[in-house]
Amino acid sequence: MTAPFRTDELPPIAVSLGDPAGIGPEVVGKAWAMREAQGLSPFFVIGSSRAISAVWGGPVASIETPEDATSVFTSALPCVEVELNAEVIPGKPDQEGAKSALHALEMGIGLAKSGAASALVTGPVGKAQLYSVGFTQPGQTEFIAERCGIARENAVMMLAGPSLRVVPVTVHIPLGAVASSLSTDLIRSRAIGTAKGLCRNFGIAKPRLVVAGLNPHAGESGALGREEIDIILPAIESLRAEGMDISGPYAPDALFHEAMRETYDAALCMYHDQALIPLKTLHFDEGVNMTLGLPIVRTSPDHGTAFGIAGRNIASPGAMIAAIRMAEKAAKSRLRNAELTCG
């Protein structure tokens, strides 16, 4: 018989601040201010407390270790300090801020890998600024995968909201390159990673997956394109033969209405906007980016740095709150369902 789950078995959640000139400091502060109303478990931020205080008037308490966060959390936002050798100017990113963001990210990965933090939530970063200080990965997802010893192709990006989870098979590439980048093996890899991730992070023992077509009307039996016949369908059929609950390819324009969404746990989409347009239409302020296939739990609010509104006290903390909540849910699921065989 499984022992009852105790929330005190989980360490606090780590939140890397992201670019200090973006909206990360504001939404983290606002998330802490709404901790009781939103039922959030203890978390701590990794970054510069100066950046937070520049845009948010709530209490911030510097802590030495994650273990200190729980006792501080009720009265102040706990912060593991990261050095920032420049004045913080909201909306004005610079190299010093990028260095601070990268240091916070690396520290957060280390704390999650060691078990000192139950999960890692990453604040938004400015990629141009990161590239200027030697960052070589396309984004935080790939960087975290590398630091965790996971091959890039095995780290699956899933976007999730209250009523929809989507996985883009191809991600940050030009639309004109999508068709040539698709392969049966790639679709299989994304589907297997998604199924395992839903099992580990959400306790769904037998995930139901659907697959979108690439072309209008899912190719119309080859009249509007053969990718569905030559690439997508063979992946689906081979996975189904291996016991996976997966179906498609479906016409993309009919895949996201309410009745259809109730029939699956996640939808695999062929390119970035095919996945993110329905997700952001339905859950713009609640969208979460979760990386599947990692040894740690990692989520992120599905928005950018929004430098244009930084420091104006108008950024919504909804996605940050959702990312923290989903990270907690996934960490608890991994603890509760450790005995589940996921793929």
C-alpha atoms as a PDB file:
ATOM      1  CA  MET A   1       0.000   0.000   0.000  1.00  0.00           C
ATOM      2  CA  THR A   2       1.346   3.438  -0.963  1.00  0.00           C
ATOM      3  CA  ALA A   3       2.061   5.718   1.983  1.00  0.00           C
ATOM      4  CA  PRO A   4       0.051   8.976   2.131  1.00  0.00           C
ATOM      5  CA  PHE A   5       1.715  11.871   0.343  1.00  0.00           C
ATOM      6  CA  ARG A   6       3.084  14.634   2.574  1.00  0.00           C
ATOM      7  CA  THR A   7       3.700  18.076   1.116  1.00  0.00           C
ATOM      8  CA  ASP A   8       6.587  18.604   3.545  1.00  0.00           C
ATOM      9  CA  GLU A   9       8.577  15.992   1.621  1.00  0.00           C
ATOM     10  CA  LEU A  10       9.141  18.575  -1.135  1.00  0.00           C
ATOM     11  CA  PRO A  11      11.801  21.294  -0.963  1.00  0.00           C
ATOM     12  CA  PRO A  12      10.781  24.782  -2.151  1.00  0.00           C
ATOM     13  CA  ILE A  13      10.626  25.652  -5.844  1.00  0.00           C
ATOM     14  CA  ALA A  14      13.437  27.709  -7.412  1.00  0.00           C
ATOM     15  CA  VAL A  15      12.514  30.605  -9.722  1.00  0.00           C
ATOM     16  CA  SER A  16      15.345  32.079 -11.789  1.00  0.00           C
ATOM     17  CA  LEU A  17      14.633  35.778 -12.256  1.00  0.00           C
ATOM     18  CA  GLY A  18      15.380  36.055 -15.957  1.00  0.00           C
ATOM     19  CA  ASP A  19      16.591  39.347 -17.410  1.00  0.00           C
ATOM     20  CA  PRO A  20      16.448  41.888 -14.559  1.00  0.00           C
ATOM     21  CA  ALA A  21      15.370  44.617 -16.996  1.00  0.00           C
ATOM     22  CA  GLY A  22      12.332  42.639 -18.150  1.00  0.00           C
ATOM     23  CA  ILE A  23       9.037  41.866 -16.428  1.00  0.00           C
ATOM     24  CA  GLY A  24      10.423  38.845 -14.556  1.00  0.00           C
ATOM     25  CA  PRO A  25      11.093  40.781 -11.323  1.00  0.00           C
ATOM     26  CA  GLU A  26       7.596  42.294 -11.360  1.00  0.00           C
ATOM     27  CA  VAL A  27       5.653  39.101 -12.032  1.00  0.00           C
ATOM     28  CA  VAL A  28       7.650  37.104  -9.461  1.00  0.00           C
ATOM     29  CA  GLY A  29       6.922  39.734  -6.829  1.00  0.00           C
ATOM     30  CA  LYS A  30       3.238  39.826  -7.735  1.00  0.00           C
ATOM     31  CA  ALA A  31       3.081  36.018  -7.667  1.00  0.00           C
ATOM     32  CA  TRP A  32       4.439  36.030  -4.104  1.00  0.00           C
ATOM     33  CA  ALA A  33       1.893  38.725  -3.122  1.00  0.00           C
ATOM     34  CA  MET A  34      -0.885  36.423  -4.359  1.00  0.00           C
ATOM     35  CA  ARG A  35       0.575  33.289  -2.743  1.00  0.00           C
ATOM     36  CA  GLU A  36      -2.276  32.769  -0.287  1.00  0.00           C
ATOM     37  CA  ALA A  37      -5.089  33.561  -2.706  1.00  0.00           C
ATOM     38  CA  GLN A  38      -3.529  31.253  -5.303  1.00  0.00           C
ATOM     39  CA  GLY A  39      -2.543  28.518  -2.833  1.00  0.00           C
ATOM     40  CA  LEU A  40       1.117  28.542  -3.871  1.00  0.00           C
ATOM     41  CA  SER A  41       3.636  26.412  -2.003  1.00  0.00           C
ATOM     42  CA  PRO A  42       6.925  28.008  -0.908  1.00  0.00           C
ATOM     43  CA  PHE A  43       9.255  29.197  -3.648  1.00  0.00           C
ATOM     44  CA  PHE A  44      12.342  31.384  -3.754  1.00  0.00           C
ATOM     45  CA  VAL A  45      13.798  33.583  -6.443  1.00  0.00           C
ATOM     46  CA  ILE A  46      17.374  33.448  -7.700  1.00  0.00           C
ATOM     47  CA  GLY A  47      18.594  36.843  -8.853  1.00  0.00           C
ATOM     48  CA  SER A  48      19.159  40.396  -7.769  1.00  0.00           C
ATOM     49  CA  SER A  49      16.882  41.708  -5.018  1.00  0.00           C
ATOM     50  CA  ARG A  50      17.693  45.202  -6.336  1.00  0.00           C
ATOM     51  CA  ALA A  51      16.019  44.336  -9.613  1.00  0.00           C
ATOM     52  CA  ILE A  52      12.887  43.221  -7.767  1.00  0.00           C
ATOM     53  CA  SER A  53      12.741  46.249  -5.494  1.00  0.00           C
ATOM     54  CA  ALA A  54      13.143  48.547  -8.504  1.00  0.00           C
ATOM     55  CA  VAL A  55       9.714  47.529  -9.822  1.00  0.00           C
ATOM     56  CA  TRP A  56       7.842  46.048  -6.844  1.00  0.00           C
ATOM     57  CA  GLY A  57       7.289  47.470  -3.404  1.00  0.00           C
ATOM     58  CA  GLY A  58       6.785  44.263  -1.457  1.00  0.00           C
ATOM     59  CA  PRO A  59       9.152  42.727   1.093  1.00  0.00           C
ATOM     60  CA  VAL A  60      12.196  40.794  -0.145  1.00  0.00           C
ATOM     61  CA  ALA A  61      14.456  38.799   2.182  1.00  0.00           C
ATOM     62  CA  SER A  62      17.908  37.573   1.189  1.00  0.00           C
ATOM     63  CA  ILE A  63      18.556  33.941   2.104  1.00  0.00           C
ATOM     64  CA  GLU A  64      21.710  31.853   2.053  1.00  0.00           C
ATOM     65  CA  THR A  65      20.249  28.446   1.153  1.00  0.00           C
ATOM     66  CA  PRO A  66      16.972  27.077  -0.228  1.00  0.00           C
ATOM     67  CA  GLU A  67      16.250  25.520   3.162  1.00  0.00           C
ATOM     68  CA  ASP A  68      15.755  29.031   4.547  1.00  0.00           C
ATOM     69  CA  ALA A  69      12.972  29.816   2.095  1.00  0.00           C
ATOM     70  CA  THR A  70      10.122  28.028   3.847  1.00  0.00           C
ATOM     71  CA  SER A  71      10.435  29.941   7.127  1.00  0.00           C
ATOM     72  CA  VAL A  72      10.807  33.285   5.312  1.00  0.00           C
ATOM     73  CA  PHE A  73       8.076  32.712   2.715  1.00  0.00           C
ATOM     74  CA  THR A  74       5.125  33.750   4.874  1.00  0.00           C
ATOM     75  CA  SER A  75       6.500  37.243   5.486  1.00  0.00           C
ATOM     76  CA  ALA A  76       8.745  38.060   2.507  1.00  0.00           C
ATOM     77  CA  LEU A  77       9.798  36.894  -0.939  1.00  0.00           C
ATOM     78  CA  PRO A  78      12.930  34.768  -0.341  1.00  0.00           C
ATOM     79  CA  CYS A  79      15.830  35.640  -2.635  1.00  0.00           C
ATOM     80  CA  VAL A  80      19.132  33.853  -3.213  1.00  0.00           C
ATOM     81  CA  GLU A  81      21.248  36.783  -4.322  1.00  0.00           C
ATOM     82  CA  VAL A  82      23.055  36.859  -7.660  1.00  0.00           C
ATOM     83  CA  GLU A  83      25.515  39.679  -8.210  1.00  0.00           C
ATOM     84  CA  LEU A  84      24.468  42.421 -10.611  1.00  0.00           C
ATOM     85  CA  ASN A  85      27.247  44.930 -11.366  1.00  0.00           C
ATOM     86  CA  ALA A  86      25.109  47.651 -12.889  1.00  0.00           C
ATOM     87  CA  GLU A  87      22.150  49.894 -12.161  1.00  0.00           C
ATOM     88  CA  VAL A  88      18.822  48.241 -12.931  1.00  0.00           C
ATOM     89  CA  ILE A  89      16.844  50.219 -15.501  1.00  0.00           C
ATOM     90  CA  PRO A  90      13.538  48.512 -16.338  1.00  0.00           C
ATOM     91  CA  GLY A  91      13.111  48.133 -20.079  1.00  0.00           C
ATOM     92  CA  LYS A  92      16.828  48.773 -20.759  1.00  0.00           C
ATOM     93  CA  PRO A  93      18.625  45.402 -21.012  1.00  0.00           C
ATOM     94  CA  ASP A  94      22.411  45.271 -20.954  1.00  0.00           C
ATOM     95  CA  GLN A  95      25.248  42.765 -20.765  1.00  0.00           C
ATOM     96  CA  GLU A  96      25.524  42.904 -16.975  1.00  0.00           C
ATOM     97  CA  GLY A  97      21.884  41.977 -16.673  1.00  0.00           C
ATOM     98  CA  ALA A  98      22.380  39.122 -19.131  1.00  0.00           C
ATOM     99  CA  LYS A  99      25.318  37.819 -17.079  1.00  0.00           C
ATOM    100  CA  SER A 100      23.154  37.935 -13.958  1.00  0.00           C
ATOM    101  CA  ALA A 101      20.319  36.083 -15.715  1.00  0.00           C
ATOM    102  CA  LEU A 102      22.685  33.378 -16.961  1.00  0.00           C
ATOM    103  CA  HIS A 103      24.264  32.954 -13.517  1.00  0.00           C
ATOM    104  CA  ALA A 104      20.793  32.645 -11.943  1.00  0.00           C
ATOM    105  CA  LEU A 105      19.775  30.050 -14.527  1.00  0.00           C
ATOM    106  CA  GLU A 106      22.905  27.965 -13.937  1.00  0.00           C
ATOM    107  CA  MET A 107      22.412  28.132 -10.178  1.00  0.00           C
ATOM    108  CA  GLY A 108      18.779  27.099 -10.513  1.00  0.00           C
ATOM    109  CA  ILE A 109      19.679  24.075 -12.621  1.00  0.00           C
ATOM    110  CA  GLY A 110      22.253  23.007 -10.070  1.00  0.00           C
ATOM    111  CA  LEU A 111      19.823  23.338  -7.154  1.00  0.00           C
ATOM    112  CA  ALA A 112      17.136  21.355  -8.973  1.00  0.00           C
ATOM    113  CA  LYS A 113      19.594  18.631  -9.989  1.00  0.00           C
ATOM    114  CA  SER A 114      20.866  18.309  -6.429  1.00  0.00           C
ATOM    115  CA  GLY A 115      17.375  18.080  -4.996  1.00  0.00           C
ATOM    116  CA  ALA A 116      17.734  21.282  -2.970  1.00  0.00           C
ATOM    117  CA  ALA A 117      14.860  22.651  -5.073  1.00  0.00           C
ATOM    118  CA  SER A 118      11.900  20.481  -6.050  1.00  0.00           C
ATOM    119  CA  ALA A 119      11.590  22.168  -9.457  1.00  0.00           C
ATOM    120  CA  LEU A 120      12.918  25.038 -11.550  1.00  0.00           C
ATOM    121  CA  VAL A 121      10.753  27.822 -12.963  1.00  0.00           C
ATOM    122  CA  THR A 122      12.667  30.034 -15.376  1.00  0.00           C
ATOM    123  CA  GLY A 123      11.888  33.718 -15.855  1.00  0.00           C
ATOM    124  CA  PRO A 124      12.032  35.237 -19.342  1.00  0.00           C
ATOM    125  CA  VAL A 125      15.417  36.164 -20.811  1.00  0.00           C
ATOM    126  CA  GLY A 126      16.547  38.375 -23.669  1.00  0.00           C
ATOM    127  CA  LYS A 127      18.257  36.082 -26.159  1.00  0.00           C
ATOM    128  CA  ALA A 128      20.086  38.879 -27.956  1.00  0.00           C
ATOM    129  CA  GLN A 129      21.643  39.977 -24.658  1.00  0.00           C
ATOM    130  CA  LEU A 130      22.532  36.388 -23.716  1.00  0.00           C
ATOM    131  CA  TYR A 131      24.216  35.834 -27.076  1.00  0.00           C
ATOM    132  CA  SER A 132      26.309  38.949 -26.446  1.00  0.00           C
ATOM    133  CA  VAL A 133      27.809  37.354 -23.302  1.00  0.00           C
ATOM    134  CA  GLY A 134      28.702  34.036 -24.942  1.00  0.00           C
ATOM    135  CA  PHE A 135      25.454  32.057 -24.691  1.00  0.00           C
ATOM    136  CA  THR A 136      25.465  29.569 -27.576  1.00  0.00           C
ATOM    137  CA  GLN A 137      22.214  27.612 -27.225  1.00  0.00           C
ATOM    138  CA  PRO A 138      18.995  28.582 -29.091  1.00  0.00           C
ATOM    139  CA  GLY A 139      17.207  29.118 -25.775  1.00  0.00           C
ATOM    140  CA  GLN A 140      16.904  28.171 -22.127  1.00  0.00           C
ATOM    141  CA  THR A 141      15.330  24.796 -22.949  1.00  0.00           C
ATOM    142  CA  GLU A 142      18.360  23.608 -24.899  1.00  0.00           C
ATOM    143  CA  PHE A 143      20.743  25.048 -22.311  1.00  0.00           C
ATOM    144  CA  ILE A 144      18.998  23.221 -19.464  1.00  0.00           C
ATOM    145  CA  ALA A 145      18.962  19.972 -21.448  1.00  0.00           C
ATOM    146  CA  GLU A 146      22.707  20.248 -22.066  1.00  0.00           C
ATOM    147  CA  ARG A 147      23.418  20.936 -18.391  1.00  0.00           C
ATOM    148  CA  CYS A 148      21.285  17.920 -17.466  1.00  0.00           C
ATOM    149  CA  GLY A 149      23.127  15.644 -19.914  1.00  0.00           C
ATOM    150  CA  ILE A 150      20.104  15.221 -22.192  1.00  0.00           C
ATOM    151  CA  ALA A 151      20.401  15.306 -25.983  1.00  0.00           C
ATOM    152  CA  ARG A 152      18.596  18.293 -27.460  1.00  0.00           C
ATOM    153  CA  GLU A 153      16.282  16.111 -29.551  1.00  0.00           C
ATOM    154  CA  ASN A 154      15.111  14.285 -26.428  1.00  0.00           C
ATOM    155  CA  ALA A 155      14.016  17.467 -24.643  1.00  0.00           C
ATOM    156  CA  VAL A 156      10.398  18.065 -25.646  1.00  0.00           C
ATOM    157  CA  MET A 157       8.793  21.508 -25.400  1.00  0.00           C
ATOM    158  CA  MET A 158       5.179  21.316 -24.271  1.00  0.00           C
ATOM    159  CA  LEU A 159       2.925  24.345 -23.916  1.00  0.00           C
ATOM    160  CA  ALA A 160       0.059  23.861 -21.494  1.00  0.00           C
ATOM    161  CA  GLY A 161      -3.009  25.661 -20.216  1.00  0.00           C
ATOM    162  CA  PRO A 162      -6.072  24.584 -18.233  1.00  0.00           C
ATOM    163  CA  SER A 163      -7.804  22.953 -21.227  1.00  0.00           C
ATOM    164  CA  LEU A 164      -5.060  22.297 -23.789  1.00  0.00           C
ATOM    165  CA  ARG A 165      -1.551  20.853 -24.033  1.00  0.00           C
ATOM    166  CA  VAL A 166       0.370  21.154 -27.309  1.00  0.00           C
ATOM    167  CA  VAL A 167       3.786  19.995 -28.490  1.00  0.00           C
ATOM    168  CA  PRO A 168       5.397  21.575 -31.572  1.00  0.00           C
ATOM    169  CA  VAL A 169       7.322  18.899 -33.478  1.00  0.00           C
ATOM    170  CA  THR A 170       9.505  21.565 -35.096  1.00  0.00           C
ATOM    171  CA  VAL A 171      10.130  24.675 -33.044  1.00  0.00           C
ATOM    172  CA  HIS A 172      12.123  27.819 -33.868  1.00  0.00           C
ATOM    173  CA  ILE A 173      12.691  27.423 -37.593  1.00  0.00           C
ATOM    174  CA  PRO A 174      11.357  29.354 -40.604  1.00  0.00           C
ATOM    175  CA  LEU A 175       7.962  28.224 -41.858  1.00  0.00           C
ATOM    176  CA  GLY A 176       9.499  27.470 -45.245  1.00  0.00           C
ATOM    177  CA  ALA A 177      11.834  24.922 -43.626  1.00  0.00           C
ATOM    178  CA  VAL A 178       9.159  22.960 -41.758  1.00  0.00           C
ATOM    179  CA  ALA A 179       8.267  20.408 -44.437  1.00  0.00           C
ATOM    180  CA  SER A 180      11.888  19.485 -45.135  1.00  0.00           C
ATOM    181  CA  SER A 181      12.620  19.241 -41.396  1.00  0.00           C
ATOM    182  CA  LEU A 182       9.849  16.766 -40.646  1.00  0.00           C
ATOM    183  CA  SER A 183      10.615  13.071 -40.476  1.00  0.00           C
ATOM    184  CA  THR A 184       8.894   9.966 -39.210  1.00  0.00           C
ATOM    185  CA  ASP A 185      11.660   9.501 -36.638  1.00  0.00           C
ATOM    186  CA  LEU A 186      11.279  13.064 -35.348  1.00  0.00           C
ATOM    187  CA  ILE A 187       7.529  12.690 -34.900  1.00  0.00           C
ATOM    188  CA  ARG A 188       8.044   9.369 -33.153  1.00  0.00           C
ATOM    189  CA  SER A 189      10.632  10.904 -30.821  1.00  0.00           C
ATOM    190  CA  ARG A 190       8.354  13.823 -29.903  1.00  0.00           C
ATOM    191  CA  ALA A 191       5.397  11.502 -29.309  1.00  0.00           C
ATOM    192  CA  ILE A 192       7.361   9.102 -27.108  1.00  0.00           C
ATOM    193  CA  GLY A 193       8.820  11.996 -25.102  1.00  0.00           C
ATOM    194  CA  THR A 194       5.361  13.519 -24.696  1.00  0.00           C
ATOM    195  CA  ALA A 195       3.781  10.284 -23.504  1.00  0.00           C
ATOM    196  CA  LYS A 196       6.554   9.662 -20.984  1.00  0.00           C
ATOM    197  CA  GLY A 197       6.375  13.260 -19.780  1.00  0.00           C
ATOM    198  CA  LEU A 198       2.616  13.159 -19.261  1.00  0.00           C
ATOM    199  CA  CYS A 199       3.035   9.962 -17.289  1.00  0.00           C
ATOM    200  CA  ARG A 200       5.865  11.236 -15.064  1.00  0.00           C
ATOM    201  CA  ASN A 201       4.692  14.819 -14.552  1.00  0.00           C
ATOM    202  CA  PHE A 202       0.917  14.383 -14.515  1.00  0.00           C
ATOM    203  CA  GLY A 203       0.419  10.745 -13.514  1.00  0.00           C
ATOM    204  CA  ILE A 204      -1.391   9.884 -16.768  1.00  0.00           C
ATOM    205  CA  ALA A 205      -0.512   6.212 -17.148  1.00  0.00           C
ATOM    206  CA  LYS A 206      -1.939   5.868 -20.687  1.00  0.00           C
ATOM    207  CA  PRO A 207      -1.819   9.288 -22.372  1.00  0.00           C
ATOM    208  CA  ARG A 208      -4.099   9.963 -25.328  1.00  0.00           C
ATOM    209  CA  LEU A 209      -2.234  11.758 -28.113  1.00  0.00           C
ATOM    210  CA  VAL A 210      -3.485  13.268 -31.342  1.00  0.00           C
ATOM    211  CA  VAL A 211      -1.417  14.472 -34.279  1.00  0.00           C
ATOM    212  CA  ALA A 212      -2.162  17.431 -36.530  1.00  0.00           C
ATOM    213  CA  GLY A 213      -1.557  17.336 -40.238  1.00  0.00           C
ATOM    214  CA  LEU A 214       0.800  19.790 -41.901  1.00  0.00           C
ATOM    215  CA  ASN A 215      -1.355  20.785 -44.846  1.00  0.00           C
ATOM    216  CA  PRO A 216      -4.913  22.151 -45.109  1.00  0.00           C
ATOM    217  CA  HIS A 217      -7.464  19.364 -44.617  1.00  0.00           C
ATOM    218  CA  ALA A 218      -4.575  17.114 -43.529  1.00  0.00           C
ATOM    219  CA  GLY A 219      -3.458  16.896 -47.160  1.00  0.00           C
ATOM    220  CA  GLU A 220      -6.845  15.920 -48.618  1.00  0.00           C
ATOM    221  CA  SER A 221      -5.633  12.377 -49.406  1.00  0.00           C
ATOM    222  CA  GLY A 222      -2.528  13.732 -51.109  1.00  0.00           C
ATOM    223  CA  ALA A 223      -4.239  16.389 -53.219  1.00  0.00           C
ATOM    224  CA  LEU A 224      -2.901  19.199 -51.014  1.00  0.00           C
ATOM    225  CA  GLY A 225       0.421  17.629 -50.049  1.00  0.00           C
ATOM    226  CA  ARG A 226       1.876  14.198 -49.302  1.00  0.00           C
ATOM    227  CA  GLU A 227       3.559  14.817 -45.920  1.00  0.00           C
ATOM    228  CA  GLU A 228       0.623  13.250 -44.096  1.00  0.00           C
ATOM    229  CA  ILE A 229       0.852  10.092 -46.211  1.00  0.00           C
ATOM    230  CA  ASP A 230       4.622   9.783 -46.476  1.00  0.00           C
ATOM    231  CA  ILE A 231       5.831  11.040 -43.081  1.00  0.00           C
ATOM    232  CA  ILE A 232       3.146  11.618 -40.454  1.00  0.00           C
ATOM    233  CA  LEU A 233       0.890   8.574 -40.850  1.00  0.00           C
ATOM    234  CA  PRO A 234       3.769   6.038 -40.775  1.00  0.00           C
ATOM    235  CA  ALA A 235       4.886   7.487 -37.421  1.00  0.00           C
ATOM    236  CA  ILE A 236       1.375   7.215 -36.005  1.00  0.00           C
ATOM    237  CA  GLU A 237       0.853   3.672 -37.261  1.00  0.00           C
ATOM    238  CA  SER A 238       4.181   2.438 -35.900  1.00  0.00           C
ATOM    239  CA  LEU A 239       3.503   3.959 -32.469  1.00  0.00           C
ATOM    240  CA  ARG A 240      -0.006   2.555 -32.374  1.00  0.00           C
ATOM    241  CA  ALA A 241       1.405  -0.879 -33.210  1.00  0.00           C
ATOM    242  CA  GLU A 242       3.666  -0.500 -30.151  1.00  0.00           C
ATOM    243  CA  GLY A 243       0.657   0.135 -27.914  1.00  0.00           C
ATOM    244  CA  MET A 244       0.495   3.927 -27.792  1.00  0.00           C
ATOM    245  CA  ASP A 245      -2.933   5.608 -27.764  1.00  0.00           C
ATOM    246  CA  ILE A 246      -2.318   7.972 -30.668  1.00  0.00           C
ATOM    247  CA  SER A 247      -4.423   8.989 -33.659  1.00  0.00           C
ATOM    248  CA  GLY A 248      -4.406  11.302 -36.660  1.00  0.00           C
ATOM    249  CA  PRO A 249      -3.341  13.075 -38.714  1.00  0.00           C
ATOM    250  CA  TYR A 250      -6.277  15.443 -38.199  1.00  0.00           C
ATOM    251  CA  ALA A 251      -7.111  18.595 -40.090  1.00  0.00           C
ATOM    252  CA  PRO A 252      -5.504  21.312 -37.933  1.00  0.00           C
ATOM    253  CA  ASP A 253      -8.524  23.637 -38.185  1.00  0.00           C
ATOM    254  CA  ALA A 254     -10.764  21.056 -36.467  1.00  0.00           C
ATOM    255  CA  LEU A 255      -8.407  19.903 -33.729  1.00  0.00           C
ATOM    256  CA  PHE A 256      -8.822  22.550 -31.053  1.00  0.00           C
ATOM    257  CA  HIS A 257     -12.540  23.130 -30.503  1.00  0.00           C
ATOM    258  CA  GLU A 258     -13.917  22.292 -27.067  1.00  0.00           C
ATOM    259  CA  ALA A 259     -15.461  18.897 -27.827  1.00  0.00           C
ATOM    260  CA  MET A 260     -12.317  17.698 -29.610  1.00  0.00           C
ATOM    261  CA  ARG A 261     -10.027  18.881 -26.790  1.00  0.00           C
ATOM    262  CA  GLU A 262     -11.876  16.602 -24.379  1.00  0.00           C
ATOM    263  CA  THR A 263     -10.778  13.537 -26.359  1.00  0.00           C
ATOM    264  CA  TYR A 264      -7.001  13.882 -25.885  1.00  0.00           C
ATOM    265  CA  ASP A 265      -4.324  14.740 -23.327  1.00  0.00           C
ATOM    266  CA  ALA A 266      -1.918  16.435 -25.744  1.00  0.00           C
ATOM    267  CA  ALA A 267      -1.778  17.418 -29.401  1.00  0.00           C
ATOM    268  CA  LEU A 268       1.376  17.114 -31.501  1.00  0.00           C
ATOM    269  CA  CYS A 269       1.604  19.971 -33.996  1.00  0.00           C
ATOM    270  CA  MET A 270       3.908  20.199 -36.956  1.00  0.00           C
ATOM    271  CA  TYR A 271       5.261  23.720 -36.398  1.00  0.00           C
ATOM    272  CA  HIS A 272       5.538  26.486 -33.816  1.00  0.00           C
ATOM    273  CA  ASP A 273       2.515  28.664 -34.605  1.00  0.00           C
ATOM    274  CA  GLN A 274       0.239  25.710 -35.278  1.00  0.00           C
ATOM    275  CA  ALA A 275       0.726  24.831 -31.608  1.00  0.00           C
ATOM    276  CA  LEU A 276       1.017  28.252 -29.991  1.00  0.00           C
ATOM    277  CA  ILE A 277      -1.821  30.125 -31.699  1.00  0.00           C
ATOM    278  CA  PRO A 278      -4.585  27.945 -30.192  1.00  0.00           C
ATOM    279  CA  LEU A 279      -2.789  27.751 -26.839  1.00  0.00           C
ATOM    280  CA  LYS A 280      -2.382  31.525 -26.552  1.00  0.00           C
ATOM    281  CA  THR A 281      -5.885  32.183 -27.881  1.00  0.00           C
ATOM    282  CA  LEU A 282      -7.372  30.018 -25.148  1.00  0.00           C
ATOM    283  CA  HIS A 283      -4.916  30.689 -22.309  1.00  0.00           C
ATOM    284  CA  PHE A 284      -2.916  33.830 -23.022  1.00  0.00           C
ATOM    285  CA  ASP A 285      -2.408  34.734 -19.354  1.00  0.00           C
ATOM    286  CA  GLU A 286      -2.122  31.138 -18.112  1.00  0.00           C
ATOM    287  CA  GLY A 287       0.166  29.471 -20.646  1.00  0.00           C
ATOM    288  CA  VAL A 288       3.081  27.452 -19.318  1.00  0.00           C
ATOM    289  CA  ASN A 289       6.125  26.121 -21.143  1.00  0.00           C
ATOM    290  CA  MET A 290       7.177  22.765 -19.661  1.00  0.00           C
ATOM    291  CA  THR A 291      10.231  20.841 -20.794  1.00  0.00           C
ATOM    292  CA  LEU A 292       9.623  17.097 -20.893  1.00  0.00           C
ATOM    293  CA  GLY A 293      12.376  14.493 -20.921  1.00  0.00           C
ATOM    294  CA  LEU A 294      14.554  16.078 -18.227  1.00  0.00           C
ATOM    295  CA  PRO A 295      15.671  14.555 -14.924  1.00  0.00           C
ATOM    296  CA  ILE A 296      14.353  17.739 -13.249  1.00  0.00           C
ATOM    297  CA  VAL A 297      11.003  19.512 -13.386  1.00  0.00           C
ATOM    298  CA  ARG A 298      11.276  22.717 -15.418  1.00  0.00           C
ATOM    299  CA  THR A 299       8.501  25.137 -16.314  1.00  0.00           C
ATOM    300  CA  SER A 300       8.414  28.705 -17.545  1.00  0.00           C
ATOM    301  CA  PRO A 301       5.693  31.308 -18.133  1.00  0.00           C
ATOM    302  CA  ASP A 302       4.827  31.332 -21.811  1.00  0.00           C
ATOM    303  CA  HIS A 303       5.741  34.956 -22.419  1.00  0.00           C
ATOM    304  CA  GLY A 304       8.861  36.961 -23.084  1.00  0.00           C
ATOM    305  CA  THR A 305      10.722  39.743 -21.323  1.00  0.00           C
ATOM    306  CA  ALA A 306       8.230  42.420 -22.489  1.00  0.00           C
ATOM    307  CA  PHE A 307      10.863  45.147 -22.128  1.00  0.00           C
ATOM    308  CA  GLY A 308       8.337  47.649 -23.495  1.00  0.00           C
ATOM    309  CA  ILE A 309       6.137  47.440 -20.395  1.00  0.00           C
ATOM    310  CA  ALA A 310       8.808  46.658 -17.783  1.00  0.00           C
ATOM    311  CA  GLY A 311       8.624  48.900 -14.735  1.00  0.00           C
ATOM    312  CA  ARG A 312       5.105  50.171 -15.501  1.00  0.00           C
ATOM    313  CA  ASN A 313       3.315  47.885 -13.000  1.00  0.00           C
ATOM    314  CA  ILE A 314       0.969  46.507 -15.653  1.00  0.00           C
ATOM    315  CA  ALA A 315       2.460  43.033 -16.267  1.00  0.00           C
ATOM    316  CA  SER A 316       0.107  40.188 -15.375  1.00  0.00           C
ATOM    317  CA  PRO A 317       1.529  37.519 -13.060  1.00  0.00           C
ATOM    318  CA  GLY A 318      -0.959  34.922 -14.317  1.00  0.00           C
ATOM    319  CA  ALA A 319       1.484  32.887 -16.397  1.00  0.00           C
ATOM    320  CA  MET A 320       4.157  32.978 -13.670  1.00  0.00           C
ATOM    321  CA  ILE A 321       1.613  31.767 -11.103  1.00  0.00           C
ATOM    322  CA  ALA A 322       0.525  29.025 -13.503  1.00  0.00           C
ATOM    323  CA  ALA A 323       4.170  28.001 -14.086  1.00  0.00           C
ATOM    324  CA  ILE A 324       4.854  27.767 -10.350  1.00  0.00           C
ATOM    325  CA  ARG A 325       1.655  25.808  -9.778  1.00  0.00           C
ATOM    326  CA  MET A 326       2.399  23.392 -12.629  1.00  0.00           C
ATOM    327  CA  ALA A 327       5.964  22.876 -11.380  1.00  0.00           C
ATOM    328  CA  GLU A 328       4.619  21.960  -7.956  1.00  0.00           C
ATOM    329  CA  LYS A 329       2.050  19.603  -9.468  1.00  0.00           C
ATOM    330  CA  ALA A 330       4.727  17.863 -11.558  1.00  0.00           C
ATOM    331  CA  ALA A 331       7.128  17.532  -8.617  1.00  0.00           C
ATOM    332  CA  LYS A 332       4.365  15.998  -6.501  1.00  0.00           C
ATOM    333  CA  SER A 333       3.366  13.678  -9.349  1.00  0.00           C
ATOM    334  CA  ARG A 334       6.931  12.395  -9.682  1.00  0.00           C
ATOM    335  CA  LEU A 335       7.022  11.721  -5.957  1.00  0.00           C
ATOM    336  CA  ARG A 336       3.605  10.092  -5.794  1.00  0.00           C
ATOM    337  CA  ASN A 337       3.949   8.035  -8.959  1.00  0.00           C
ATOM    338  CA  ALA A 338       7.570   6.967  -8.745  1.00  0.00           C
ATOM    339  CA  GLU A 339       6.461   3.367  -9.197  1.00  0.00           C
ATOM    340  CA  LEU A 340       4.699   4.049 -12.503  1.00  0.00           C
ATOM    341  CA  THR A 341       6.331   2.549 -15.583  1.00  0.00           C
ATOM    342  CA  CYS A 342       6.344   5.393 -18.091  1.00  0.00           C
ATOM    343  CA  GLY A 343       7.142   4.039 -21.526  1.00  0.00           C
END
